[in-house]
């Protein structure tokens, strides 16, 4: 309600350019939403810019959020519902229709039925862990839905950077980058 936080004001101009951005600021200063609000905007624009003449709608997430903890991934999924609902409400107040953005969580706890549903109807925003991202990149069916990713948000990167999990995540991110480039993104 009071507008953007200082980390958001400082980071948004760089994030919008597509540059790699590291946001380091105190807990509670809006770091997670710093990346997500730009990503949510991009998802809405992606839907708004799509015309029926262009063919089928983009399939798959444009945004992948990687959390080192399954519990944090679930919390982020829940915490995204509030800003998305606020955007829908504000659009309605302005007489606009906001596209229905979907969010999915893919962790080691995700039941097989939800994993299958995600492949059939890929989300706009995917919340996952480093290990689950690796698994998504190894299976052809799930790899296919990742071809249109344009943004990756790695939360709590400092907890990953110093160990084998971080090295493993770095390889997965390189694989994802190659997959997206191979598809023309």
N, C-alpha and C. Protein backbone atom coordinates (compact mmCIF):
# COMPACT_ATOMS: atom_id res chain seq x y z
N UNK A 1 0.81 -1.22 0.00
CA UNK A 1 0.00 0.00 0.00
C UNK A 1 0.84 1.27 0.00
N UNK A 2 2.02 1.24 0.60
CA UNK A 2 2.87 2.43 0.66
C UNK A 2 3.75 2.56 -0.58
N UNK A 3 3.57 1.65 -1.55
CA UNK A 3 4.39 1.71 -2.76
C UNK A 3 5.57 0.77 -2.66
N UNK A 4 6.44 0.81 -3.66
CA UNK A 4 7.58 -0.11 -3.69
C UNK A 4 8.55 0.14 -2.54
N UNK A 5 9.20 -0.94 -2.13
CA UNK A 5 10.26 -0.82 -1.12
C UNK A 5 11.53 -0.36 -1.82
N UNK A 6 12.52 0.03 -1.07
CA UNK A 6 13.79 0.49 -1.66
C UNK A 6 14.44 -0.59 -2.53
N UNK A 7 14.52 -1.87 -2.08
CA UNK A 7 15.09 -2.89 -2.96
C UNK A 7 14.32 -3.03 -4.28
N UNK A 8 12.99 -2.89 -4.22
CA UNK A 8 12.19 -2.98 -5.44
C UNK A 8 12.50 -1.81 -6.37
N UNK A 9 12.52 -0.60 -5.84
CA UNK A 9 12.82 0.58 -6.67
C UNK A 9 14.20 0.45 -7.32
N UNK A 10 15.16 -0.07 -6.57
CA UNK A 10 16.52 -0.17 -7.09
C UNK A 10 16.67 -1.29 -8.12
N UNK A 11 15.98 -2.41 -7.90
CA UNK A 11 16.19 -3.59 -8.75
C UNK A 11 15.33 -3.61 -10.01
N UNK A 12 14.11 -3.09 -9.95
CA UNK A 12 13.20 -3.21 -11.09
C UNK A 12 13.76 -2.71 -12.41
N UNK A 13 14.43 -1.57 -12.46
CA UNK A 13 14.96 -1.13 -13.77
C UNK A 13 15.94 -2.15 -14.38
N UNK A 14 16.69 -2.84 -13.54
CA UNK A 14 17.64 -3.84 -14.05
C UNK A 14 16.94 -5.13 -14.42
N UNK A 15 15.98 -5.55 -13.60
CA UNK A 15 15.25 -6.79 -13.88
C UNK A 15 14.51 -6.68 -15.21
N UNK A 16 13.90 -5.53 -15.45
CA UNK A 16 13.12 -5.33 -16.67
C UNK A 16 13.98 -5.47 -17.92
N UNK A 17 15.27 -5.16 -17.83
CA UNK A 17 16.14 -5.28 -19.01
C UNK A 17 16.50 -6.73 -19.31
N UNK A 18 16.20 -7.64 -18.37
CA UNK A 18 16.57 -9.04 -18.56
C UNK A 18 17.94 -9.36 -18.02
N UNK A 19 18.57 -8.40 -17.37
CA UNK A 19 19.90 -8.62 -16.81
C UNK A 19 19.82 -9.56 -15.60
N UNK A 20 20.94 -10.18 -15.28
CA UNK A 20 21.03 -10.95 -14.05
C UNK A 20 21.09 -9.96 -12.90
N UNK A 21 20.29 -10.19 -11.88
CA UNK A 21 20.20 -9.25 -10.77
C UNK A 21 20.28 -10.02 -9.46
N UNK A 22 21.08 -9.53 -8.54
CA UNK A 22 21.15 -10.07 -7.19
C UNK A 22 20.56 -9.02 -6.26
N UNK A 23 19.52 -9.39 -5.53
CA UNK A 23 18.89 -8.48 -4.58
C UNK A 23 19.26 -8.96 -3.19
N UNK A 24 20.01 -8.15 -2.48
CA UNK A 24 20.41 -8.47 -1.11
C UNK A 24 19.91 -7.36 -0.20
N UNK A 25 19.00 -7.71 0.68
CA UNK A 25 18.44 -6.72 1.60
C UNK A 25 17.87 -7.46 2.80
N UNK A 26 17.55 -6.72 3.86
CA UNK A 26 17.08 -7.37 5.08
C UNK A 26 15.76 -8.14 4.89
N UNK A 27 15.54 -9.11 5.75
CA UNK A 27 14.29 -9.86 5.76
C UNK A 27 13.12 -8.90 5.91
N UNK A 28 12.07 -9.16 5.14
CA UNK A 28 10.87 -8.33 5.23
C UNK A 28 10.89 -7.10 4.34
N UNK A 29 11.92 -6.96 3.51
CA UNK A 29 12.03 -5.76 2.66
C UNK A 29 11.46 -5.98 1.26
N UNK A 30 10.87 -7.15 1.03
CA UNK A 30 10.21 -7.38 -0.25
C UNK A 30 11.07 -7.99 -1.33
N UNK A 31 12.12 -8.72 -0.94
CA UNK A 31 13.01 -9.31 -1.95
C UNK A 31 12.27 -10.28 -2.88
N UNK A 32 11.49 -11.17 -2.31
CA UNK A 32 10.82 -12.17 -3.14
C UNK A 32 9.86 -11.51 -4.12
N UNK A 33 9.07 -10.56 -3.64
CA UNK A 33 8.15 -9.87 -4.53
C UNK A 33 8.87 -8.97 -5.52
N UNK A 34 10.10 -8.59 -5.23
CA UNK A 34 10.87 -7.78 -6.17
C UNK A 34 10.95 -8.49 -7.51
N UNK A 35 11.33 -9.74 -7.48
CA UNK A 35 11.41 -10.50 -8.72
C UNK A 35 10.06 -10.94 -9.23
N UNK A 36 9.20 -11.34 -8.32
CA UNK A 36 7.91 -11.88 -8.75
C UNK A 36 6.99 -10.85 -9.38
N UNK A 37 6.99 -9.63 -8.90
CA UNK A 37 6.08 -8.64 -9.48
C UNK A 37 6.42 -8.35 -10.94
N UNK A 38 7.70 -8.29 -11.26
CA UNK A 38 8.10 -8.11 -12.66
C UNK A 38 7.71 -9.35 -13.47
N UNK A 39 7.90 -10.53 -12.88
CA UNK A 39 7.56 -11.77 -13.56
C UNK A 39 6.05 -11.89 -13.78
N UNK A 40 5.27 -11.48 -12.79
CA UNK A 40 3.81 -11.50 -12.92
C UNK A 40 3.39 -10.54 -14.03
N UNK A 41 4.00 -9.37 -14.06
CA UNK A 41 3.70 -8.40 -15.12
C UNK A 41 4.01 -9.01 -16.49
N UNK A 42 5.15 -9.68 -16.60
CA UNK A 42 5.53 -10.30 -17.88
C UNK A 42 4.54 -11.39 -18.27
N UNK A 43 4.04 -12.14 -17.28
CA UNK A 43 3.06 -13.20 -17.58
C UNK A 43 1.76 -12.58 -18.08
N UNK A 44 1.32 -11.50 -17.45
CA UNK A 44 0.11 -10.83 -17.93
C UNK A 44 0.32 -10.27 -19.34
N UNK A 45 1.47 -9.68 -19.59
CA UNK A 45 1.74 -9.14 -20.92
C UNK A 45 1.80 -10.24 -21.97
N UNK A 46 2.35 -11.37 -21.59
CA UNK A 46 2.44 -12.52 -22.50
C UNK A 46 1.04 -12.94 -22.93
N UNK A 47 0.12 -12.98 -21.98
CA UNK A 47 -1.27 -13.33 -22.32
C UNK A 47 -1.91 -12.22 -23.15
N UNK A 48 -1.67 -10.97 -22.77
CA UNK A 48 -2.30 -9.84 -23.46
C UNK A 48 -1.79 -9.69 -24.90
N UNK A 49 -0.51 -9.98 -25.12
CA UNK A 49 0.09 -9.82 -26.44
C UNK A 49 -0.25 -10.96 -27.39
N UNK A 50 -0.77 -12.06 -26.85
CA UNK A 50 -1.07 -13.22 -27.69
C UNK A 50 -2.35 -12.98 -28.48
N UNK A 51 -2.27 -13.25 -29.77
CA UNK A 51 -3.45 -13.14 -30.63
C UNK A 51 -3.76 -14.53 -31.18
N UNK A 52 -5.03 -14.81 -31.47
CA UNK A 52 -5.38 -16.12 -32.04
C UNK A 52 -4.66 -16.41 -33.35
N UNK A 53 -4.37 -15.36 -34.13
CA UNK A 53 -3.67 -15.56 -35.40
C UNK A 53 -2.24 -16.07 -35.19
N UNK A 54 -1.68 -15.82 -34.01
CA UNK A 54 -0.31 -16.23 -33.72
C UNK A 54 -0.21 -17.72 -33.42
N UNK A 55 -1.35 -18.40 -33.35
CA UNK A 55 -1.33 -19.83 -33.03
C UNK A 55 -1.71 -20.07 -31.60
N UNK A 56 -1.40 -21.27 -31.11
CA UNK A 56 -1.80 -21.59 -29.74
C UNK A 56 -1.10 -20.70 -28.71
N UNK A 57 -1.75 -20.54 -27.58
CA UNK A 57 -1.17 -19.76 -26.49
C UNK A 57 0.15 -20.37 -26.06
N UNK A 58 1.05 -19.54 -25.50
CA UNK A 58 2.29 -20.10 -24.98
C UNK A 58 1.98 -21.18 -23.95
N UNK A 59 2.67 -22.31 -24.04
CA UNK A 59 2.46 -23.40 -23.08
C UNK A 59 3.66 -23.48 -22.16
N UNK A 60 3.40 -23.41 -20.91
CA UNK A 60 4.47 -23.60 -19.96
C UNK A 60 4.82 -22.33 -19.22
N UNK A 61 5.55 -22.52 -18.16
CA UNK A 61 5.87 -21.37 -17.32
C UNK A 61 6.86 -20.42 -17.99
N UNK A 62 6.61 -19.14 -17.82
CA UNK A 62 7.59 -18.15 -18.21
C UNK A 62 8.53 -17.90 -17.05
N UNK A 63 8.07 -18.26 -15.86
CA UNK A 63 8.83 -17.98 -14.64
C UNK A 63 9.01 -19.26 -13.84
N UNK A 64 10.23 -19.51 -13.42
CA UNK A 64 10.54 -20.61 -12.52
C UNK A 64 11.16 -20.01 -11.27
N UNK A 65 10.54 -20.30 -10.14
CA UNK A 65 11.04 -19.84 -8.84
C UNK A 65 11.65 -21.06 -8.16
N UNK A 66 12.92 -20.96 -7.79
CA UNK A 66 13.63 -22.07 -7.14
C UNK A 66 13.89 -21.70 -5.69
N UNK A 67 13.39 -22.55 -4.81
CA UNK A 67 13.59 -22.36 -3.38
C UNK A 67 14.41 -23.52 -2.83
N UNK A 68 15.34 -23.26 -1.93
CA UNK A 68 16.13 -24.36 -1.38
C UNK A 68 15.33 -25.27 -0.45
N UNK A 69 14.17 -24.81 -0.01
CA UNK A 69 13.37 -25.58 0.95
C UNK A 69 11.97 -25.84 0.42
N UNK A 70 11.50 -27.07 0.57
CA UNK A 70 10.14 -27.40 0.14
C UNK A 70 9.10 -26.55 0.86
N UNK A 71 9.31 -26.35 2.15
CA UNK A 71 8.34 -25.57 2.93
C UNK A 71 8.29 -24.13 2.43
N UNK A 72 9.44 -23.56 2.10
CA UNK A 72 9.48 -22.20 1.58
C UNK A 72 8.79 -22.13 0.23
N UNK A 73 8.96 -23.16 -0.59
CA UNK A 73 8.29 -23.20 -1.89
C UNK A 73 6.78 -23.18 -1.70
N UNK A 74 6.28 -23.95 -0.74
CA UNK A 74 4.84 -23.97 -0.47
C UNK A 74 4.38 -22.61 0.05
N UNK A 75 5.16 -21.99 0.93
CA UNK A 75 4.81 -20.66 1.45
C UNK A 75 4.74 -19.64 0.33
N UNK A 76 5.70 -19.67 -0.59
CA UNK A 76 5.72 -18.71 -1.69
C UNK A 76 4.49 -18.91 -2.56
N UNK A 77 4.14 -20.15 -2.81
CA UNK A 77 2.93 -20.42 -3.60
C UNK A 77 1.73 -19.77 -2.93
N UNK A 78 1.59 -19.94 -1.63
CA UNK A 78 0.48 -19.33 -0.90
C UNK A 78 0.58 -17.80 -0.93
N UNK A 79 1.77 -17.27 -0.74
CA UNK A 79 1.96 -15.82 -0.69
C UNK A 79 1.75 -15.15 -2.04
N UNK A 80 1.86 -15.89 -3.13
CA UNK A 80 1.60 -15.33 -4.46
C UNK A 80 0.11 -15.15 -4.70
N UNK A 81 -0.70 -15.92 -4.02
CA UNK A 81 -2.14 -15.82 -4.23
C UNK A 81 -2.66 -14.43 -3.88
N UNK A 82 -2.12 -13.81 -2.84
CA UNK A 82 -2.58 -12.49 -2.40
C UNK A 82 -2.33 -11.40 -3.46
N UNK A 83 -1.08 -11.25 -3.96
CA UNK A 83 -0.89 -10.22 -4.99
C UNK A 83 -1.66 -10.52 -6.27
N UNK A 84 -1.78 -11.79 -6.64
CA UNK A 84 -2.54 -12.11 -7.85
C UNK A 84 -4.01 -11.76 -7.68
N UNK A 85 -4.55 -12.05 -6.51
CA UNK A 85 -5.95 -11.70 -6.24
C UNK A 85 -6.12 -10.17 -6.24
N UNK A 86 -5.14 -9.46 -5.70
CA UNK A 86 -5.19 -8.00 -5.69
C UNK A 86 -5.15 -7.42 -7.09
N UNK A 87 -4.37 -8.01 -7.96
CA UNK A 87 -4.28 -7.55 -9.35
C UNK A 87 -5.62 -7.79 -10.06
N UNK A 88 -6.19 -8.96 -9.85
CA UNK A 88 -7.49 -9.28 -10.46
C UNK A 88 -8.55 -8.29 -9.96
N UNK A 89 -8.56 -8.02 -8.66
CA UNK A 89 -9.53 -7.07 -8.09
C UNK A 89 -9.35 -5.66 -8.67
N UNK A 90 -8.10 -5.22 -8.77
CA UNK A 90 -7.83 -3.88 -9.30
C UNK A 90 -8.21 -3.80 -10.77
N UNK A 91 -7.92 -4.86 -11.53
CA UNK A 91 -8.32 -4.88 -12.95
C UNK A 91 -9.83 -4.78 -13.07
N UNK A 92 -10.56 -5.52 -12.22
CA UNK A 92 -12.03 -5.48 -12.25
C UNK A 92 -12.52 -4.08 -11.91
N UNK A 93 -11.88 -3.45 -10.93
CA UNK A 93 -12.27 -2.09 -10.54
C UNK A 93 -12.10 -1.12 -11.71
N UNK A 94 -11.07 -1.37 -12.55
CA UNK A 94 -10.81 -0.52 -13.71
C UNK A 94 -11.61 -0.95 -14.95
N UNK A 95 -12.42 -2.00 -14.78
CA UNK A 95 -13.22 -2.48 -15.90
C UNK A 95 -12.45 -3.35 -16.87
N UNK A 96 -11.34 -3.92 -16.40
CA UNK A 96 -10.51 -4.77 -17.25
C UNK A 96 -10.64 -6.22 -16.80
N UNK A 97 -10.28 -7.11 -17.68
CA UNK A 97 -10.26 -8.52 -17.33
C UNK A 97 -8.81 -8.97 -17.27
N UNK A 98 -8.40 -9.46 -16.13
CA UNK A 98 -7.04 -9.95 -15.98
C UNK A 98 -7.00 -11.43 -16.36
N UNK A 99 -6.00 -11.84 -17.13
CA UNK A 99 -5.90 -13.27 -17.45
C UNK A 99 -5.77 -14.09 -16.17
N UNK A 100 -6.24 -15.30 -16.22
CA UNK A 100 -6.16 -16.19 -15.08
C UNK A 100 -4.79 -16.87 -15.08
N UNK A 101 -3.89 -16.37 -14.26
CA UNK A 101 -2.55 -16.96 -14.19
C UNK A 101 -2.58 -18.17 -13.27
N UNK A 102 -1.87 -19.20 -13.68
CA UNK A 102 -1.82 -20.41 -12.86
C UNK A 102 -0.44 -20.57 -12.25
N UNK A 103 -0.44 -21.14 -11.05
CA UNK A 103 0.80 -21.40 -10.31
C UNK A 103 0.80 -22.87 -9.94
N UNK A 104 1.94 -23.51 -10.09
CA UNK A 104 2.08 -24.90 -9.65
C UNK A 104 3.33 -25.03 -8.81
N UNK A 105 3.28 -25.95 -7.87
CA UNK A 105 4.44 -26.27 -7.04
C UNK A 105 4.89 -27.67 -7.42
N UNK A 106 6.19 -27.81 -7.68
CA UNK A 106 6.75 -29.12 -8.00
C UNK A 106 7.92 -29.36 -7.07
N UNK A 107 7.69 -30.21 -6.06
CA UNK A 107 8.74 -30.62 -5.13
C UNK A 107 8.71 -32.13 -5.04
N UNK A 108 9.55 -32.68 -4.20
CA UNK A 108 9.56 -34.13 -3.99
C UNK A 108 8.26 -34.64 -3.38
N UNK A 109 7.48 -33.75 -2.78
CA UNK A 109 6.20 -34.14 -2.15
C UNK A 109 5.02 -34.05 -3.11
N UNK A 110 5.23 -33.56 -4.31
CA UNK A 110 4.12 -33.38 -5.24
C UNK A 110 3.62 -34.75 -5.71
N UNK A 111 2.33 -35.02 -5.50
CA UNK A 111 1.78 -36.32 -5.92
C UNK A 111 1.86 -36.51 -7.44
N UNK A 112 1.90 -37.76 -7.85
CA UNK A 112 2.01 -38.09 -9.28
C UNK A 112 0.85 -37.49 -10.08
N UNK A 113 -0.33 -37.45 -9.49
CA UNK A 113 -1.49 -36.90 -10.21
C UNK A 113 -1.29 -35.41 -10.51
N UNK A 114 -0.71 -34.66 -9.57
CA UNK A 114 -0.45 -33.23 -9.80
C UNK A 114 0.67 -33.04 -10.82
N UNK A 115 1.68 -33.91 -10.78
CA UNK A 115 2.76 -33.82 -11.77
C UNK A 115 2.20 -34.06 -13.18
N UNK A 116 1.32 -35.04 -13.31
CA UNK A 116 0.71 -35.34 -14.62
C UNK A 116 -0.17 -34.17 -15.07
N UNK A 117 -0.93 -33.60 -14.14
CA UNK A 117 -1.78 -32.46 -14.47
C UNK A 117 -0.94 -31.27 -14.94
N UNK A 118 0.22 -31.08 -14.32
CA UNK A 118 1.10 -29.98 -14.70
C UNK A 118 1.61 -30.17 -16.13
N UNK A 119 1.88 -31.41 -16.52
CA UNK A 119 2.33 -31.66 -17.90
C UNK A 119 1.20 -31.43 -18.90
N UNK A 120 -0.02 -31.79 -18.53
CA UNK A 120 -1.17 -31.59 -19.43
C UNK A 120 -1.53 -30.12 -19.57
N UNK A 121 -1.47 -29.40 -18.45
CA UNK A 121 -1.84 -27.99 -18.45
C UNK A 121 -0.78 -27.21 -17.66
N UNK A 122 0.33 -26.87 -18.33
CA UNK A 122 1.45 -26.23 -17.63
C UNK A 122 1.06 -24.88 -17.01
N UNK A 123 1.65 -24.58 -15.87
CA UNK A 123 1.35 -23.31 -15.20
C UNK A 123 2.08 -22.14 -15.84
N UNK A 124 1.65 -20.94 -15.49
CA UNK A 124 2.37 -19.74 -15.91
C UNK A 124 3.58 -19.50 -15.02
N UNK A 125 3.44 -19.85 -13.75
CA UNK A 125 4.51 -19.67 -12.76
C UNK A 125 4.76 -21.02 -12.08
N UNK A 126 6.00 -21.45 -12.06
CA UNK A 126 6.36 -22.72 -11.46
C UNK A 126 7.25 -22.48 -10.25
N UNK A 127 6.86 -23.04 -9.12
CA UNK A 127 7.62 -22.96 -7.88
C UNK A 127 8.21 -24.34 -7.63
N UNK A 128 9.53 -24.42 -7.46
CA UNK A 128 10.17 -25.73 -7.33
C UNK A 128 11.41 -25.66 -6.44
N UNK A 129 12.06 -26.79 -6.29
CA UNK A 129 13.31 -26.89 -5.54
C UNK A 129 14.43 -27.23 -6.53
N UNK A 130 15.70 -27.09 -6.13
CA UNK A 130 16.78 -27.45 -7.05
C UNK A 130 16.69 -28.89 -7.53
N UNK A 131 16.37 -29.80 -6.63
CA UNK A 131 16.31 -31.21 -7.00
C UNK A 131 15.16 -31.50 -7.96
N UNK A 132 14.03 -30.87 -7.72
CA UNK A 132 12.89 -31.09 -8.61
C UNK A 132 13.11 -30.42 -9.97
N UNK A 133 13.81 -29.30 -10.00
CA UNK A 133 14.15 -28.68 -11.28
C UNK A 133 15.00 -29.64 -12.09
N UNK A 134 15.96 -30.26 -11.44
CA UNK A 134 16.80 -31.26 -12.11
C UNK A 134 15.95 -32.37 -12.71
N UNK A 135 15.00 -32.89 -11.92
CA UNK A 135 14.13 -33.96 -12.41
C UNK A 135 13.27 -33.49 -13.58
N UNK A 136 12.79 -32.26 -13.51
CA UNK A 136 12.00 -31.71 -14.62
C UNK A 136 12.83 -31.65 -15.91
N UNK A 137 14.11 -31.38 -15.77
CA UNK A 137 14.98 -31.25 -16.93
C UNK A 137 15.42 -32.59 -17.50
N UNK A 138 15.21 -33.68 -16.74
CA UNK A 138 15.66 -34.99 -17.23
C UNK A 138 14.59 -35.72 -18.02
N UNK A 139 13.32 -35.43 -17.77
CA UNK A 139 12.23 -36.12 -18.47
C UNK A 139 11.80 -35.30 -19.68
N UNK A 140 11.68 -35.95 -20.83
CA UNK A 140 11.33 -35.25 -22.07
C UNK A 140 10.01 -34.51 -21.96
N UNK A 141 9.00 -35.11 -21.34
CA UNK A 141 7.68 -34.48 -21.27
C UNK A 141 7.70 -33.21 -20.42
N UNK A 142 8.42 -33.23 -19.31
CA UNK A 142 8.47 -32.03 -18.48
C UNK A 142 9.48 -31.02 -19.04
N UNK A 143 10.50 -31.51 -19.68
CA UNK A 143 11.48 -30.60 -20.30
C UNK A 143 10.79 -29.73 -21.35
N UNK A 144 9.86 -30.32 -22.08
CA UNK A 144 9.15 -29.61 -23.14
C UNK A 144 8.41 -28.39 -22.60
N UNK A 145 7.84 -28.47 -21.39
CA UNK A 145 7.07 -27.34 -20.87
C UNK A 145 7.97 -26.21 -20.38
N UNK A 146 9.28 -26.46 -20.28
CA UNK A 146 10.21 -25.43 -19.79
C UNK A 146 10.84 -24.60 -20.91
N UNK A 147 10.49 -24.85 -22.15
CA UNK A 147 11.14 -24.18 -23.28
C UNK A 147 10.89 -22.68 -23.35
N UNK A 148 9.81 -22.20 -22.75
CA UNK A 148 9.49 -20.77 -22.83
C UNK A 148 9.83 -19.98 -21.58
N UNK A 149 10.63 -20.57 -20.70
CA UNK A 149 11.02 -19.86 -19.49
C UNK A 149 11.86 -18.64 -19.87
N UNK A 150 11.51 -17.50 -19.29
CA UNK A 150 12.31 -16.29 -19.53
C UNK A 150 12.88 -15.73 -18.24
N UNK A 151 12.37 -16.19 -17.10
CA UNK A 151 12.83 -15.67 -15.82
C UNK A 151 13.00 -16.81 -14.82
N UNK A 152 14.14 -16.81 -14.13
CA UNK A 152 14.37 -17.75 -13.04
C UNK A 152 14.69 -16.92 -11.80
N UNK A 153 13.96 -17.19 -10.75
CA UNK A 153 14.21 -16.53 -9.47
C UNK A 153 14.76 -17.59 -8.52
N UNK A 154 15.96 -17.38 -8.02
CA UNK A 154 16.55 -18.29 -7.05
C UNK A 154 16.53 -17.58 -5.71
N UNK A 155 15.72 -18.09 -4.81
CA UNK A 155 15.59 -17.48 -3.49
C UNK A 155 16.62 -18.10 -2.54
N UNK A 156 17.05 -17.31 -1.60
CA UNK A 156 18.01 -17.77 -0.58
C UNK A 156 19.24 -18.40 -1.23
N UNK A 157 19.74 -17.76 -2.28
CA UNK A 157 20.86 -18.30 -3.05
C UNK A 157 22.09 -18.51 -2.16
N UNK A 158 22.24 -17.70 -1.11
CA UNK A 158 23.40 -17.84 -0.24
C UNK A 158 23.44 -19.20 0.46
N UNK A 159 22.28 -19.84 0.65
CA UNK A 159 22.28 -21.16 1.30
C UNK A 159 22.70 -22.25 0.34
N UNK A 160 22.68 -21.96 -0.95
CA UNK A 160 23.03 -22.95 -1.96
C UNK A 160 24.43 -22.77 -2.52
N UNK A 161 24.91 -21.55 -2.52
CA UNK A 161 26.13 -21.21 -3.25
C UNK A 161 27.38 -21.93 -2.73
N UNK A 162 27.35 -22.34 -1.50
CA UNK A 162 28.59 -22.84 -0.89
C UNK A 162 28.76 -24.36 -0.91
N UNK A 163 27.81 -25.10 -1.49
CA UNK A 163 27.94 -26.56 -1.37
C UNK A 163 27.56 -27.28 -2.67
N UNK A 164 27.50 -28.61 -2.59
CA UNK A 164 27.21 -29.43 -3.77
C UNK A 164 25.82 -29.14 -4.34
N UNK A 165 24.88 -28.81 -3.48
CA UNK A 165 23.53 -28.47 -3.98
C UNK A 165 23.60 -27.26 -4.90
N UNK A 166 24.43 -26.29 -4.53
CA UNK A 166 24.58 -25.10 -5.36
C UNK A 166 25.23 -25.42 -6.70
N UNK A 167 26.24 -26.27 -6.67
CA UNK A 167 26.90 -26.68 -7.91
C UNK A 167 25.92 -27.44 -8.79
N UNK A 168 25.14 -28.30 -8.18
CA UNK A 168 24.13 -29.06 -8.91
C UNK A 168 23.08 -28.13 -9.52
N UNK A 169 22.64 -27.13 -8.75
CA UNK A 169 21.67 -26.15 -9.26
C UNK A 169 22.28 -25.36 -10.42
N UNK A 170 23.55 -24.98 -10.30
CA UNK A 170 24.20 -24.24 -11.39
C UNK A 170 24.17 -25.05 -12.68
N UNK A 171 24.41 -26.34 -12.60
CA UNK A 171 24.34 -27.20 -13.79
C UNK A 171 22.92 -27.26 -14.34
N UNK A 172 21.95 -27.36 -13.44
CA UNK A 172 20.55 -27.39 -13.90
C UNK A 172 20.17 -26.08 -14.58
N UNK A 173 20.64 -24.97 -14.04
CA UNK A 173 20.33 -23.67 -14.66
C UNK A 173 21.00 -23.54 -16.02
N UNK A 174 22.19 -24.07 -16.16
CA UNK A 174 22.86 -24.08 -17.47
C UNK A 174 22.07 -24.95 -18.45
N UNK A 175 21.61 -26.09 -17.98
CA UNK A 175 20.79 -26.97 -18.83
C UNK A 175 19.50 -26.27 -19.25
N UNK A 176 18.88 -25.59 -18.32
CA UNK A 176 17.65 -24.86 -18.63
C UNK A 176 17.95 -23.76 -19.65
N UNK A 177 19.03 -23.04 -19.45
CA UNK A 177 19.42 -22.00 -20.40
C UNK A 177 19.63 -22.55 -21.79
N UNK A 178 20.29 -23.70 -21.87
CA UNK A 178 20.51 -24.34 -23.17
C UNK A 178 19.20 -24.76 -23.81
N UNK A 179 18.31 -25.33 -23.01
CA UNK A 179 17.01 -25.78 -23.50
C UNK A 179 16.22 -24.61 -24.08
N UNK A 180 16.21 -23.49 -23.35
CA UNK A 180 15.48 -22.30 -23.80
C UNK A 180 16.13 -21.74 -25.08
N UNK A 181 17.44 -21.65 -25.10
CA UNK A 181 18.15 -21.14 -26.29
C UNK A 181 17.90 -22.02 -27.50
N UNK A 182 17.93 -23.31 -27.28
CA UNK A 182 17.70 -24.27 -28.35
C UNK A 182 16.32 -24.07 -28.99
N UNK A 183 15.36 -23.63 -28.17
CA UNK A 183 14.02 -23.38 -28.67
C UNK A 183 13.83 -21.97 -29.22
N UNK A 184 14.90 -21.19 -29.26
CA UNK A 184 14.83 -19.84 -29.82
C UNK A 184 14.59 -18.76 -28.79
N UNK A 185 14.58 -19.11 -27.52
CA UNK A 185 14.33 -18.11 -26.47
C UNK A 185 15.60 -17.57 -25.90
